[in-house]
Structure formats: C-alpha cells, structure tokens
Amino acid sequence: MIPIKTSMDHAATVWQQATHLTVLMAEAQTVIALRTMGMAGLWPMPQGETARMVNEKPPAFVESWVAAGFAMLTMQSPGAVLQAWTRPLTRKARSNRRRLSRAKR
C-alpha cells in the first residue's frame, strides 16, 4: 500500500502541473485575443506587432526546449521537466499580455 504522504505529495504535484499549464494557456489566449482585436482595428496595437508575433516564437520555444532538455538530462522529475518547459513560455506570454494590455488608444 502506498503511504498517505506519498499519495498526497503526488496529488499536489499533479495539481501544481495542471496550474502551470492553465496559467500558460490563459496568458497565451489573452495575447491571441488582444492581437486579433488589434489586427481587426478594435484594439490599439504597437507598430510592428505582426512581425514581432512571428519572430518571437522560435527563440521562446528553443529556450523552453533547452530548459526541459537540461531538466531531463539532470534526471529531474517529470513535473520539474514540465515546469522547466512551461516557465520560459509563460514568462514570454505574460510580458506580451502586459505590454499589449496597456497599449495606448
């Protein structure tokens, strides 16, 4: 039988992983919505935002993959690998959301 502490730790880890993914999803969806409204002329969008949204993705994903790869090579837990993968993407999506949210009208 699995000790209670171990099963509770596992449940907390799964919950934390789900939370990280949910935050990433919410940040990314908000950025997508703001950019879509900006391209439609419904929200002010900084000059060059269309090019920026294409050019920023490769470096962000490479950073994410390298972090996850390093976590795997150092034998970290699957949850730590997932967190290493989501952290750079969440950071980029959050900075985009903040920047786009305060665009001047």
C-alpha atoms as a PDB file:
ATOM      1  CA  MET A   1       0.000   0.000   0.000  1.00  0.00           C
ATOM      2  CA  ILE A   2       1.216   3.500  -0.861  1.00  0.00           C
ATOM      3  CA  PRO A   3       1.822   5.688   2.198  1.00  0.00           C
ATOM      4  CA  ILE A   4      -0.597   8.596   2.555  1.00  0.00           C
ATOM      5  CA  LYS A   5       2.204  11.174   2.451  1.00  0.00           C
ATOM      6  CA  THR A   6       3.406   9.874  -0.920  1.00  0.00           C
ATOM      7  CA  SER A   7      -0.041   9.867  -2.488  1.00  0.00           C
ATOM      8  CA  MET A   8      -0.753  13.365  -1.138  1.00  0.00           C
ATOM      9  CA  ASP A   9       2.584  14.610  -2.491  1.00  0.00           C
ATOM     10  CA  HIS A  10       1.722  13.105  -5.858  1.00  0.00           C
ATOM     11  CA  ALA A  11      -1.695  14.789  -5.872  1.00  0.00           C
ATOM     12  CA  ALA A  12      -0.103  18.141  -5.004  1.00  0.00           C
ATOM     13  CA  THR A  13       2.439  17.724  -7.813  1.00  0.00           C
ATOM     14  CA  VAL A  14      -0.256  16.908 -10.363  1.00  0.00           C
ATOM     15  CA  TRP A  15      -2.284  19.891  -9.184  1.00  0.00           C
ATOM     16  CA  GLN A  16       0.757  22.173  -9.483  1.00  0.00           C
ATOM     17  CA  GLN A  17       1.495  20.916 -13.016  1.00  0.00           C
ATOM     18  CA  ALA A  18      -2.099  21.499 -14.063  1.00  0.00           C
ATOM     19  CA  THR A  19      -1.936  25.004 -12.615  1.00  0.00           C
ATOM     20  CA  HIS A  20       1.242  25.828 -14.566  1.00  0.00           C
ATOM     21  CA  LEU A  21      -0.347  24.647 -17.807  1.00  0.00           C
ATOM     22  CA  THR A  22      -3.570  26.538 -17.087  1.00  0.00           C
ATOM     23  CA  VAL A  23      -1.682  29.779 -16.458  1.00  0.00           C
ATOM     24  CA  LEU A  24       0.258  29.333 -19.705  1.00  0.00           C
ATOM     25  CA  MET A  25      -2.983  28.655 -21.578  1.00  0.00           C
ATOM     26  CA  ALA A  26      -4.733  31.719 -20.136  1.00  0.00           C
ATOM     27  CA  GLU A  27      -1.801  34.046 -20.836  1.00  0.00           C
ATOM     28  CA  ALA A  28      -1.429  32.764 -24.406  1.00  0.00           C
ATOM     29  CA  GLN A  29      -5.169  33.003 -25.134  1.00  0.00           C
ATOM     30  CA  THR A  30      -5.256  36.577 -23.856  1.00  0.00           C
ATOM     31  CA  VAL A  31      -2.345  37.542 -26.100  1.00  0.00           C
ATOM     32  CA  ILE A  32      -4.032  35.872 -29.073  1.00  0.00           C
ATOM     33  CA  ALA A  33      -7.273  37.740 -28.374  1.00  0.00           C
ATOM     34  CA  LEU A  34      -5.523  41.117 -27.977  1.00  0.00           C
ATOM     35  CA  ARG A  35      -3.524  40.631 -31.172  1.00  0.00           C
ATOM     36  CA  THR A  36      -6.585  39.501 -33.112  1.00  0.00           C
ATOM     37  CA  MET A  37      -8.538  42.541 -31.928  1.00  0.00           C
ATOM     38  CA  GLY A  38      -5.553  44.719 -32.834  1.00  0.00           C
ATOM     39  CA  MET A  39      -5.383  43.349 -36.382  1.00  0.00           C
ATOM     40  CA  ALA A  40      -9.123  43.916 -36.721  1.00  0.00           C
ATOM     41  CA  GLY A  41      -8.709  47.528 -35.589  1.00  0.00           C
ATOM     42  CA  LEU A  42     -10.668  47.029 -32.376  1.00  0.00           C
ATOM     43  CA  TRP A  43      -7.678  47.413 -30.029  1.00  0.00           C
ATOM     44  CA  PRO A  44      -4.592  49.600 -30.369  1.00  0.00           C
ATOM     45  CA  MET A  45      -1.570  47.569 -31.349  1.00  0.00           C
ATOM     46  CA  PRO A  46       2.052  48.756 -31.365  1.00  0.00           C
ATOM     47  CA  GLN A  47       3.744  49.245 -34.723  1.00  0.00           C
ATOM     48  CA  GLY A  48       5.431  46.053 -35.908  1.00  0.00           C
ATOM     49  CA  GLU A  49       3.427  43.758 -33.653  1.00  0.00           C
ATOM     50  CA  THR A  50       2.561  41.417 -36.523  1.00  0.00           C
ATOM     51  CA  ALA A  51       6.232  40.785 -37.294  1.00  0.00           C
ATOM     52  CA  ARG A  52       7.042  40.538 -33.601  1.00  0.00           C
ATOM     53  CA  MET A  53       4.480  37.791 -33.004  1.00  0.00           C
ATOM     54  CA  VAL A  54       6.121  35.664 -35.701  1.00  0.00           C
ATOM     55  CA  ASN A  55       9.749  36.421 -34.820  1.00  0.00           C
ATOM     56  CA  GLU A  56       9.476  35.865 -31.067  1.00  0.00           C
ATOM     57  CA  LYS A  57       8.248  32.273 -31.230  1.00  0.00           C
ATOM     58  CA  PRO A  58      11.384  30.371 -32.347  1.00  0.00           C
ATOM     59  CA  PRO A  59      13.649  31.818 -29.614  1.00  0.00           C
ATOM     60  CA  ALA A  60      10.967  31.285 -26.948  1.00  0.00           C
ATOM     61  CA  PHE A  61      10.433  27.652 -27.918  1.00  0.00           C
ATOM     62  CA  VAL A  62      14.170  26.959 -28.197  1.00  0.00           C
ATOM     63  CA  GLU A  63      14.656  28.377 -24.688  1.00  0.00           C
ATOM     64  CA  SER A  64      11.802  26.204 -23.480  1.00  0.00           C
ATOM     65  CA  TRP A  65      13.123  23.046 -25.139  1.00  0.00           C
ATOM     66  CA  VAL A  66      16.658  23.631 -23.838  1.00  0.00           C
ATOM     67  CA  ALA A  67      15.354  24.120 -20.292  1.00  0.00           C
ATOM     68  CA  ALA A  68      13.261  20.938 -20.494  1.00  0.00           C
ATOM     69  CA  GLY A  69      16.140  19.018 -22.070  1.00  0.00           C
ATOM     70  CA  PHE A  70      18.505  20.118 -19.329  1.00  0.00           C
ATOM     71  CA  ALA A  71      15.958  19.095 -16.712  1.00  0.00           C
ATOM     72  CA  MET A  72      15.705  15.651 -18.322  1.00  0.00           C
ATOM     73  CA  LEU A  73      19.488  15.262 -18.608  1.00  0.00           C
ATOM     74  CA  THR A  74      19.879  16.065 -14.924  1.00  0.00           C
ATOM     75  CA  MET A  75      17.330  13.353 -14.101  1.00  0.00           C
ATOM     76  CA  GLN A  76      14.726  15.685 -12.632  1.00  0.00           C
ATOM     77  CA  SER A  77      11.173  14.534 -12.047  1.00  0.00           C
ATOM     78  CA  PRO A  78       8.607  14.723 -14.857  1.00  0.00           C
ATOM     79  CA  GLY A  79       6.924  17.585 -13.005  1.00  0.00           C
ATOM     80  CA  ALA A  80      10.183  19.529 -12.897  1.00  0.00           C
ATOM     81  CA  VAL A  81      10.701  18.910 -16.622  1.00  0.00           C
ATOM     82  CA  LEU A  82       7.206  20.180 -17.351  1.00  0.00           C
ATOM     83  CA  GLN A  83       7.778  23.247 -15.211  1.00  0.00           C
ATOM     84  CA  ALA A  84      11.130  23.897 -16.932  1.00  0.00           C
ATOM     85  CA  TRP A  85       9.332  23.714 -20.275  1.00  0.00           C
ATOM     86  CA  THR A  86       6.433  25.989 -19.321  1.00  0.00           C
ATOM     87  CA  ARG A  87       8.380  28.657 -17.390  1.00  0.00           C
ATOM     88  CA  PRO A  88      10.001  30.438 -20.408  1.00  0.00           C
ATOM     89  CA  LEU A  89       6.781  30.282 -22.436  1.00  0.00           C
ATOM     90  CA  THR A  90       4.670  31.612 -19.572  1.00  0.00           C
ATOM     91  CA  ARG A  91       7.169  34.410 -18.928  1.00  0.00           C
ATOM     92  CA  LYS A  92       7.048  35.484 -22.601  1.00  0.00           C
ATOM     93  CA  ALA A  93       3.253  35.240 -22.833  1.00  0.00           C
ATOM     94  CA  ARG A  94       2.840  37.217 -19.598  1.00  0.00           C
ATOM     95  CA  SER A  95       5.159  40.003 -20.772  1.00  0.00           C
ATOM     96  CA  ASN A  96       3.267  40.164 -24.082  1.00  0.00           C
ATOM     97  CA  ARG A  97      -0.070  40.339 -22.287  1.00  0.00           C
ATOM     98  CA  ARG A  98       1.112  43.154 -20.044  1.00  0.00           C
ATOM     99  CA  ARG A  99       2.582  45.110 -22.956  1.00  0.00           C
ATOM    100  CA  LEU A 100      -0.467  44.674 -25.173  1.00  0.00           C
ATOM    101  CA  SER A 101      -2.928  45.385 -22.344  1.00  0.00           C
ATOM    102  CA  ARG A 102      -1.521  48.838 -21.753  1.00  0.00           C
ATOM    103  CA  ALA A 103      -1.333  49.843 -25.409  1.00  0.00           C
ATOM    104  CA  LYS A 104      -2.230  53.480 -25.935  1.00  0.00           C
ATOM    105  CA  ARG A 105      -5.580  54.168 -27.515  1.00  0.00           C
END
